[in-house]
Amino acid sequence: MALITLLSDFGYSDHYVAAMKARILSVNAGLSIVDISHEVAVSDLAHAAHVLKSAFRDFPENTVHLVSVNTSGHPDEKYIAVKLEEHYFICPDNGLLGLISDQPAAAVVDITPKDSVSTFQAIDIMCPAAAKLSNGTSIEELGTPLNSFKMMLPRHLRATKKQISGNVIRVDHYGNLITNIAKEPFDILSKDKAYNIVYGRDNSRKIHTYYGQVEPGDCFLVFNNQGLLEIGIYQGNASQLLGLGFDSPIMINFEE
């Protein structure tokens, strides 16, 4: 049996998460369920995509990821099951999967029941599908095959020999600014060159190797375990103190 992970914007103050797990376990009490997060900001697809992208590849292949974020309950809303990068995803057809991978899907099916009215789609539509997949049902048996699904496009960095231009894609729990500037292009373009990293009204000519390499209250810049440039203030909140947030521009200028 495959693992099932849960990612939602439900929080923990209500019964919603427990109800999801109860519905899954009612199919097979032996299924294994792992919470990725239920603290995604309400209806924030960018937040959900960042968390999912950061975690899903660390799970075994064939893991089933149920994602319930920004579900509208509209009668025309479509729910899908997708096989992508040897993992399965159960979610609304809202474009989120385009933000976690640029690989083509191996299979896509529409799992939306006909003439179904529900105020809790995660329970009534997505949980049964996830449980069946984890229990060995093939994805093709879950619904009607689709040729395509909605794909939101992530914001990509821009790079020339003189500059890398990127953006903050996530402000994490600590207030650290996670950017879309990856280590690989930086290493290529910065070879034998001095550089200046500009973020808001501040700048730095150094990238650190770990968070505590600076004094408390000082700014650090590291490439994190995802290989992305992260800007923070040691024992402080960079977003608040620097006045930067989601989508703030970050630039690296190279000197010849």
C-alpha atoms as a PDB file:
ATOM      1  CA  MET A   1       0.000   0.000   0.000  1.00  0.00           C
ATOM      2  CA  ALA A   2       1.218   3.483  -0.907  1.00  0.00           C
ATOM      3  CA  LEU A   3       1.473   6.348   1.548  1.00  0.00           C
ATOM      4  CA  ILE A   4      -1.075   9.153   1.479  1.00  0.00           C
ATOM      5  CA  THR A   5       0.014  12.710   2.278  1.00  0.00           C
ATOM      6  CA  LEU A   6      -2.331  15.561   3.127  1.00  0.00           C
ATOM      7  CA  LEU A   7      -1.799  19.244   2.346  1.00  0.00           C
ATOM      8  CA  SER A   8      -4.540  21.793   3.005  1.00  0.00           C
ATOM      9  CA  ASP A   9      -5.489  25.276   4.144  1.00  0.00           C
ATOM     10  CA  PHE A  10      -7.862  23.866   6.817  1.00  0.00           C
ATOM     11  CA  GLY A  11      -5.815  24.695   9.933  1.00  0.00           C
ATOM     12  CA  TYR A  12      -6.251  22.666  13.119  1.00  0.00           C
ATOM     13  CA  SER A  13      -8.957  24.520  15.051  1.00  0.00           C
ATOM     14  CA  ASP A  14     -11.833  22.657  13.370  1.00  0.00           C
ATOM     15  CA  HIS A  15     -12.693  19.038  12.618  1.00  0.00           C
ATOM     16  CA  TYR A  16     -11.766  19.122   8.929  1.00  0.00           C
ATOM     17  CA  VAL A  17      -8.387  17.353   9.067  1.00  0.00           C
ATOM     18  CA  ALA A  18      -9.685  14.601  11.347  1.00  0.00           C
ATOM     19  CA  ALA A  19     -12.695  14.130   9.081  1.00  0.00           C
ATOM     20  CA  MET A  20     -10.433  13.655   6.063  1.00  0.00           C
ATOM     21  CA  LYS A  21      -8.404  11.013   7.845  1.00  0.00           C
ATOM     22  CA  ALA A  22     -11.536   9.252   9.080  1.00  0.00           C
ATOM     23  CA  ARG A  23     -12.920   9.086   5.535  1.00  0.00           C
ATOM     24  CA  ILE A  24      -9.671   7.604   4.202  1.00  0.00           C
ATOM     25  CA  LEU A  25      -9.336   5.089   7.027  1.00  0.00           C
ATOM     26  CA  SER A  26     -12.954   4.001   6.571  1.00  0.00           C
ATOM     27  CA  VAL A  27     -11.845   2.504   3.239  1.00  0.00           C
ATOM     28  CA  ASN A  28      -8.902   0.690   4.821  1.00  0.00           C
ATOM     29  CA  ALA A  29      -7.872   1.217   8.455  1.00  0.00           C
ATOM     30  CA  GLY A  30      -4.365   0.039   7.601  1.00  0.00           C
ATOM     31  CA  LEU A  31      -3.554   2.922   5.252  1.00  0.00           C
ATOM     32  CA  SER A  32      -0.672   5.198   6.259  1.00  0.00           C
ATOM     33  CA  ILE A  33      -1.331   8.955   6.292  1.00  0.00           C
ATOM     34  CA  VAL A  34       1.305  11.686   6.641  1.00  0.00           C
ATOM     35  CA  ASP A  35       0.490  15.369   7.146  1.00  0.00           C
ATOM     36  CA  ILE A  36       2.636  17.697   5.065  1.00  0.00           C
ATOM     37  CA  SER A  37       0.909  20.839   6.359  1.00  0.00           C
ATOM     38  CA  HIS A  38      -2.535  22.179   7.143  1.00  0.00           C
ATOM     39  CA  GLU A  39      -1.298  25.714   7.809  1.00  0.00           C
ATOM     40  CA  VAL A  40      -1.208  26.868   4.187  1.00  0.00           C
ATOM     41  CA  ALA A  41      -2.560  30.406   4.002  1.00  0.00           C
ATOM     42  CA  VAL A  42      -6.219  30.302   2.989  1.00  0.00           C
ATOM     43  CA  SER A  43      -6.586  29.842  -0.794  1.00  0.00           C
ATOM     44  CA  ASP A  44      -2.881  30.639  -1.315  1.00  0.00           C
ATOM     45  CA  LEU A  45      -1.837  28.426  -4.228  1.00  0.00           C
ATOM     46  CA  ALA A  46       1.698  29.852  -4.302  1.00  0.00           C
ATOM     47  CA  HIS A  47       2.205  28.877  -0.657  1.00  0.00           C
ATOM     48  CA  ALA A  48       0.749  25.406  -1.237  1.00  0.00           C
ATOM     49  CA  ALA A  49       2.888  24.876  -4.331  1.00  0.00           C
ATOM     50  CA  HIS A  50       6.082  25.880  -2.536  1.00  0.00           C
ATOM     51  CA  VAL A  51       5.408  23.502   0.352  1.00  0.00           C
ATOM     52  CA  LEU A  52       4.415  20.633  -1.939  1.00  0.00           C
ATOM     53  CA  LYS A  53       7.324  21.134  -4.333  1.00  0.00           C
ATOM     54  CA  SER A  54       9.737  21.234  -1.395  1.00  0.00           C
ATOM     55  CA  ALA A  55       8.481  17.941   0.045  1.00  0.00           C
ATOM     56  CA  PHE A  56       6.878  15.545  -2.425  1.00  0.00           C
ATOM     57  CA  ARG A  57      10.045  14.151  -4.033  1.00  0.00           C
ATOM     58  CA  ASP A  58      11.340  13.085  -0.609  1.00  0.00           C
ATOM     59  CA  PHE A  59       8.496  10.569  -0.305  1.00  0.00           C
ATOM     60  CA  PRO A  60       8.692   7.129  -1.947  1.00  0.00           C
ATOM     61  CA  GLU A  61       7.531   6.774  -5.535  1.00  0.00           C
ATOM     62  CA  ASN A  62       3.803   6.029  -5.895  1.00  0.00           C
ATOM     63  CA  THR A  63       2.945   8.115  -2.833  1.00  0.00           C
ATOM     64  CA  VAL A  64      -0.536   9.659  -3.150  1.00  0.00           C
ATOM     65  CA  HIS A  65      -0.613  13.388  -2.385  1.00  0.00           C
ATOM     66  CA  LEU A  66      -4.046  14.846  -1.587  1.00  0.00           C
ATOM     67  CA  VAL A  67      -4.040  18.638  -1.904  1.00  0.00           C
ATOM     68  CA  SER A  68      -7.099  20.581  -0.786  1.00  0.00           C
ATOM     69  CA  VAL A  69      -6.360  24.298  -1.157  1.00  0.00           C
ATOM     70  CA  ASN A  70      -8.612  26.947  -2.712  1.00  0.00           C
ATOM     71  CA  THR A  71     -11.542  24.596  -3.276  1.00  0.00           C
ATOM     72  CA  SER A  72     -14.499  26.745  -4.273  1.00  0.00           C
ATOM     73  CA  GLY A  73     -17.346  24.256  -4.141  1.00  0.00           C
ATOM     74  CA  HIS A  74     -18.641  25.646  -7.433  1.00  0.00           C
ATOM     75  CA  PRO A  75     -20.714  23.071  -9.353  1.00  0.00           C
ATOM     76  CA  ASP A  76     -18.414  23.475 -12.366  1.00  0.00           C
ATOM     77  CA  GLU A  77     -15.217  22.869 -10.379  1.00  0.00           C
ATOM     78  CA  LYS A  78     -13.298  19.851 -11.634  1.00  0.00           C
ATOM     79  CA  TYR A  79     -11.287  17.424  -9.512  1.00  0.00           C
ATOM     80  CA  ILE A  80      -8.468  15.399 -10.977  1.00  0.00           C
ATOM     81  CA  ALA A  81      -6.066  12.560 -10.278  1.00  0.00           C
ATOM     82  CA  VAL A  82      -2.659  12.955 -11.911  1.00  0.00           C
ATOM     83  CA  LYS A  83       0.383  10.713 -12.161  1.00  0.00           C
ATOM     84  CA  LEU A  84       3.423  12.980 -12.291  1.00  0.00           C
ATOM     85  CA  GLU A  85       7.099  12.163 -11.686  1.00  0.00           C
ATOM     86  CA  GLU A  86       6.070   8.687 -10.409  1.00  0.00           C
ATOM     87  CA  HIS A  87       3.832  10.243  -7.758  1.00  0.00           C
ATOM     88  CA  TYR A  88       0.050  10.591  -7.658  1.00  0.00           C
ATOM     89  CA  PHE A  89      -1.793  13.837  -6.956  1.00  0.00           C
ATOM     90  CA  ILE A  90      -5.456  14.308  -6.060  1.00  0.00           C
ATOM     91  CA  CYS A  91      -6.531  17.956  -6.233  1.00  0.00           C
ATOM     92  CA  PRO A  92      -8.852  20.507  -7.800  1.00  0.00           C
ATOM     93  CA  ASP A  93      -8.021  21.385 -11.389  1.00  0.00           C
ATOM     94  CA  ASN A  94      -6.814  24.849 -10.356  1.00  0.00           C
ATOM     95  CA  GLY A  95      -3.349  25.036 -11.930  1.00  0.00           C
ATOM     96  CA  LEU A  96      -1.304  24.281  -8.808  1.00  0.00           C
ATOM     97  CA  LEU A  97       0.541  21.286 -10.282  1.00  0.00           C
ATOM     98  CA  GLY A  98       2.113  23.522 -12.925  1.00  0.00           C
ATOM     99  CA  LEU A  99       3.952  25.293 -10.105  1.00  0.00           C
ATOM    100  CA  ILE A 100       5.599  22.134  -8.749  1.00  0.00           C
ATOM    101  CA  SER A 101       6.880  20.439 -11.905  1.00  0.00           C
ATOM    102  CA  ASP A 102       7.480  21.119 -15.571  1.00  0.00           C
ATOM    103  CA  GLN A 103       7.440  17.416 -16.443  1.00  0.00           C
ATOM    104  CA  PRO A 104       4.607  15.946 -18.556  1.00  0.00           C
ATOM    105  CA  ALA A 105       1.979  13.950 -16.691  1.00  0.00           C
ATOM    106  CA  ALA A 106       1.902  10.195 -17.297  1.00  0.00           C
ATOM    107  CA  ALA A 107      -1.865  10.038 -16.705  1.00  0.00           C
ATOM    108  CA  VAL A 108      -4.706  12.442 -15.897  1.00  0.00           C
ATOM    109  CA  VAL A 109      -8.306  11.548 -15.056  1.00  0.00           C
ATOM    110  CA  ASP A 110     -11.371  13.555 -14.074  1.00  0.00           C
ATOM    111  CA  ILE A 111     -12.666  12.175 -10.754  1.00  0.00           C
ATOM    112  CA  THR A 112     -15.571  14.632 -10.400  1.00  0.00           C
ATOM    113  CA  PRO A 113     -18.807  12.684  -9.809  1.00  0.00           C
ATOM    114  CA  LYS A 114     -21.668  13.523 -12.137  1.00  0.00           C
ATOM    115  CA  ASP A 115     -24.568  15.456 -10.605  1.00  0.00           C
ATOM    116  CA  SER A 116     -22.708  15.637  -7.305  1.00  0.00           C
ATOM    117  CA  VAL A 117     -23.442  18.392  -4.791  1.00  0.00           C
ATOM    118  CA  SER A 118     -21.031  18.703  -1.875  1.00  0.00           C
ATOM    119  CA  THR A 119     -19.913  21.352   0.597  1.00  0.00           C
ATOM    120  CA  PHE A 120     -16.826  19.345   1.556  1.00  0.00           C
ATOM    121  CA  GLN A 121     -15.165  18.128  -1.629  1.00  0.00           C
ATOM    122  CA  ALA A 122     -12.067  16.873   0.169  1.00  0.00           C
ATOM    123  CA  ILE A 123     -14.216  14.371   2.058  1.00  0.00           C
ATOM    124  CA  ASP A 124     -16.715  13.431  -0.620  1.00  0.00           C
ATOM    125  CA  ILE A 125     -14.492  13.396  -3.728  1.00  0.00           C
ATOM    126  CA  MET A 126     -10.779  13.503  -3.007  1.00  0.00           C
ATOM    127  CA  CYS A 127     -10.444  11.261   0.064  1.00  0.00           C
ATOM    128  CA  PRO A 128     -12.167   8.234  -1.523  1.00  0.00           C
ATOM    129  CA  ALA A 129     -10.015   8.598  -4.655  1.00  0.00           C
ATOM    130  CA  ALA A 130      -6.800   8.852  -2.617  1.00  0.00           C
ATOM    131  CA  ALA A 131      -7.733   5.819  -0.533  1.00  0.00           C
ATOM    132  CA  LYS A 132      -8.506   3.749  -3.626  1.00  0.00           C
ATOM    133  CA  LEU A 133      -5.205   4.691  -5.277  1.00  0.00           C
ATOM    134  CA  SER A 134      -3.257   3.858  -2.135  1.00  0.00           C
ATOM    135  CA  ASN A 135      -5.148   0.585  -1.861  1.00  0.00           C
ATOM    136  CA  GLY A 136      -4.055  -0.548  -5.320  1.00  0.00           C
ATOM    137  CA  THR A 137      -6.741   0.734  -7.693  1.00  0.00           C
ATOM    138  CA  SER A 138      -5.240   1.983 -10.965  1.00  0.00           C
ATOM    139  CA  ILE A 139      -5.569   5.663 -11.771  1.00  0.00           C
ATOM    140  CA  GLU A 140      -7.450   4.832 -14.972  1.00  0.00           C
ATOM    141  CA  GLU A 141     -10.226   3.225 -12.919  1.00  0.00           C
ATOM    142  CA  LEU A 142     -10.873   6.387 -10.917  1.00  0.00           C
ATOM    143  CA  GLY A 143     -12.518   8.448 -13.631  1.00  0.00           C
ATOM    144  CA  THR A 144     -12.569   9.738 -17.177  1.00  0.00           C
ATOM    145  CA  PRO A 145      -9.211  10.237 -18.981  1.00  0.00           C
ATOM    146  CA  LEU A 146      -8.254  13.815 -19.784  1.00  0.00           C
ATOM    147  CA  ASN A 147      -5.828  15.107 -22.407  1.00  0.00           C
ATOM    148  CA  SER A 148      -4.786  18.096 -20.311  1.00  0.00           C
ATOM    149  CA  PHE A 149      -5.291  19.978 -17.058  1.00  0.00           C
ATOM    150  CA  LYS A 150      -4.735  23.538 -15.888  1.00  0.00           C
ATOM    151  CA  MET A 151      -1.091  24.528 -15.415  1.00  0.00           C
ATOM    152  CA  MET A 152      -0.117  27.781 -13.755  1.00  0.00           C
ATOM    153  CA  LEU A 153       3.311  29.011 -14.835  1.00  0.00           C
ATOM    154  CA  PRO A 154       5.892  29.795 -12.140  1.00  0.00           C
ATOM    155  CA  ARG A 155       7.839  33.045 -12.191  1.00  0.00           C
ATOM    156  CA  HIS A 156      11.283  32.287 -13.628  1.00  0.00           C
ATOM    157  CA  LEU A 157      14.497  34.144 -12.965  1.00  0.00           C
ATOM    158  CA  ARG A 158      16.152  36.137 -15.734  1.00  0.00           C
ATOM    159  CA  ALA A 159      19.869  35.777 -16.263  1.00  0.00           C
ATOM    160  CA  THR A 160      22.512  37.479 -18.388  1.00  0.00           C
ATOM    161  CA  LYS A 161      26.290  37.615 -18.095  1.00  0.00           C
ATOM    162  CA  LYS A 162      25.935  40.781 -16.051  1.00  0.00           C
ATOM    163  CA  GLN A 163      22.897  40.114 -13.878  1.00  0.00           C
ATOM    164  CA  ILE A 164      20.545  37.551 -12.362  1.00  0.00           C
ATOM    165  CA  SER A 165      17.104  38.967 -11.633  1.00  0.00           C
ATOM    166  CA  GLY A 166      14.721  36.983  -9.450  1.00  0.00           C
ATOM    167  CA  ASN A 167      11.966  37.328  -6.877  1.00  0.00           C
ATOM    168  CA  VAL A 168      10.956  36.232  -3.409  1.00  0.00           C
ATOM    169  CA  ILE A 169       8.697  33.205  -3.838  1.00  0.00           C
ATOM    170  CA  ARG A 170       8.044  32.482  -0.163  1.00  0.00           C
ATOM    171  CA  VAL A 171       8.357  34.125   3.235  1.00  0.00           C
ATOM    172  CA  ASP A 172       8.765  31.222   5.639  1.00  0.00           C
ATOM    173  CA  HIS A 173       7.707  30.781   9.273  1.00  0.00           C
ATOM    174  CA  TYR A 174      10.870  32.540  10.458  1.00  0.00           C
ATOM    175  CA  GLY A 175      10.423  35.525   8.168  1.00  0.00           C
ATOM    176  CA  ASN A 176      13.234  34.359   5.894  1.00  0.00           C
ATOM    177  CA  LEU A 177      12.957  35.330   2.231  1.00  0.00           C
ATOM    178  CA  ILE A 178      13.219  32.337  -0.111  1.00  0.00           C
ATOM    179  CA  THR A 179      13.920  33.328  -3.704  1.00  0.00           C
ATOM    180  CA  ASN A 180      13.763  31.611  -7.085  1.00  0.00           C
ATOM    181  CA  ILE A 181      17.487  32.222  -7.660  1.00  0.00           C
ATOM    182  CA  ALA A 182      19.110  28.804  -7.909  1.00  0.00           C
ATOM    183  CA  LYS A 183      22.697  27.938  -7.025  1.00  0.00           C
ATOM    184  CA  GLU A 184      23.579  26.341 -10.377  1.00  0.00           C
ATOM    185  CA  PRO A 185      23.207  29.441 -12.594  1.00  0.00           C
ATOM    186  CA  PHE A 186      24.799  31.568  -9.876  1.00  0.00           C
ATOM    187  CA  ASP A 187      27.860  29.299  -9.743  1.00  0.00           C
ATOM    188  CA  ILE A 188      28.216  29.467 -13.528  1.00  0.00           C
ATOM    189  CA  LEU A 189      27.813  33.215 -13.877  1.00  0.00           C
ATOM    190  CA  SER A 190      29.807  34.186 -10.778  1.00  0.00           C
ATOM    191  CA  LYS A 191      32.910  32.195 -11.692  1.00  0.00           C
ATOM    192  CA  ASP A 192      35.962  34.470 -11.353  1.00  0.00           C
ATOM    193  CA  LYS A 193      33.688  37.493 -10.856  1.00  0.00           C
ATOM    194  CA  ALA A 194      32.844  39.756  -7.955  1.00  0.00           C
ATOM    195  CA  TYR A 195      29.145  40.236  -7.333  1.00  0.00           C
ATOM    196  CA  ASN A 196      26.720  42.423  -5.421  1.00  0.00           C
ATOM    197  CA  ILE A 197      23.349  41.083  -4.264  1.00  0.00           C
ATOM    198  CA  VAL A 198      20.696  43.787  -4.022  1.00  0.00           C
ATOM    199  CA  TYR A 199      17.562  43.225  -1.937  1.00  0.00           C
ATOM    200  CA  GLY A 200      15.404  46.249  -1.225  1.00  0.00           C
ATOM    201  CA  ARG A 201      17.588  49.057   0.073  1.00  0.00           C
ATOM    202  CA  ASP A 202      20.294  46.647   1.229  1.00  0.00           C
ATOM    203  CA  ASN A 203      23.050  44.758  -0.539  1.00  0.00           C
ATOM    204  CA  SER A 204      25.681  42.142   0.161  1.00  0.00           C
ATOM    205  CA  ARG A 205      28.854  40.919  -1.492  1.00  0.00           C
ATOM    206  CA  LYS A 206      28.974  37.631   0.404  1.00  0.00           C
ATOM    207  CA  ILE A 207      27.013  34.396   0.500  1.00  0.00           C
ATOM    208  CA  HIS A 208      27.290  32.479   3.755  1.00  0.00           C
ATOM    209  CA  THR A 209      27.441  28.725   4.267  1.00  0.00           C
ATOM    210  CA  TYR A 210      25.100  28.496   7.278  1.00  0.00           C
ATOM    211  CA  TYR A 211      22.594  30.653   9.173  1.00  0.00           C
ATOM    212  CA  GLY A 212      24.629  31.268  12.325  1.00  0.00           C
ATOM    213  CA  GLN A 213      27.674  32.554  10.446  1.00  0.00           C
ATOM    214  CA  VAL A 214      26.617  36.110  11.349  1.00  0.00           C
ATOM    215  CA  GLU A 215      25.903  37.826  14.652  1.00  0.00           C
ATOM    216  CA  PRO A 216      22.313  37.996  15.994  1.00  0.00           C
ATOM    217  CA  GLY A 217      20.456  40.771  14.201  1.00  0.00           C
ATOM    218  CA  ASP A 218      22.723  40.652  11.144  1.00  0.00           C
ATOM    219  CA  CYS A 219      21.619  39.605   7.672  1.00  0.00           C
ATOM    220  CA  PHE A 220      22.678  36.288   6.167  1.00  0.00           C
ATOM    221  CA  LEU A 221      22.428  34.982   2.600  1.00  0.00           C
ATOM    222  CA  VAL A 222      22.673  31.242   1.986  1.00  0.00           C
ATOM    223  CA  PHE A 223      21.787  28.699  -0.647  1.00  0.00           C
ATOM    224  CA  ASN A 224      19.410  26.459   1.290  1.00  0.00           C
ATOM    225  CA  ASN A 225      18.880  22.702   1.042  1.00  0.00           C
ATOM    226  CA  GLN A 226      16.694  23.247  -2.024  1.00  0.00           C
ATOM    227  CA  GLY A 227      19.542  25.061  -3.744  1.00  0.00           C
ATOM    228  CA  LEU A 228      17.678  28.397  -3.605  1.00  0.00           C
ATOM    229  CA  LEU A 229      19.033  31.718  -2.388  1.00  0.00           C
ATOM    230  CA  GLU A 230      17.579  32.525   1.027  1.00  0.00           C
ATOM    231  CA  ILE A 231      17.889  35.870   2.795  1.00  0.00           C
ATOM    232  CA  GLY A 232      17.291  36.174   6.506  1.00  0.00           C
ATOM    233  CA  ILE A 233      18.224  37.933   9.711  1.00  0.00           C
ATOM    234  CA  TYR A 234      19.801  35.713  12.334  1.00  0.00           C
ATOM    235  CA  GLN A 235      17.370  35.511  15.261  1.00  0.00           C
ATOM    236  CA  GLY A 236      15.176  38.111  13.564  1.00  0.00           C
ATOM    237  CA  ASN A 237      12.428  38.465  10.961  1.00  0.00           C
ATOM    238  CA  ALA A 238      13.871  39.559   7.618  1.00  0.00           C
ATOM    239  CA  SER A 239      10.519  40.205   5.965  1.00  0.00           C
ATOM    240  CA  GLN A 240       9.485  42.648   8.683  1.00  0.00           C
ATOM    241  CA  LEU A 241      12.851  44.293   9.225  1.00  0.00           C
ATOM    242  CA  LEU A 242      13.789  44.609   5.546  1.00  0.00           C
ATOM    243  CA  GLY A 243      10.284  45.482   4.368  1.00  0.00           C
ATOM    244  CA  LEU A 244      10.295  42.721   1.740  1.00  0.00           C
ATOM    245  CA  GLY A 245       7.759  40.006   0.967  1.00  0.00           C
ATOM    246  CA  PHE A 246       6.331  37.735  -1.691  1.00  0.00           C
ATOM    247  CA  ASP A 247       7.364  38.811  -5.215  1.00  0.00           C
ATOM    248  CA  SER A 248       9.914  41.407  -4.018  1.00  0.00           C
ATOM    249  CA  PRO A 249      12.699  41.722  -6.620  1.00  0.00           C
ATOM    250  CA  ILE A 250      16.176  40.377  -5.864  1.00  0.00           C
ATOM    251  CA  MET A 251      19.117  41.164  -8.152  1.00  0.00           C
ATOM    252  CA  ILE A 252      22.666  39.888  -8.385  1.00  0.00           C
ATOM    253  CA  ASN A 253      24.988  42.172 -10.370  1.00  0.00           C
ATOM    254  CA  PHE A 254      28.264  40.749 -11.648  1.00  0.00           C
ATOM    255  CA  GLU A 255      31.387  42.815 -12.075  1.00  0.00           C
ATOM    256  CA  GLU A 256      33.757  42.147 -14.967  1.00  0.00           C
END
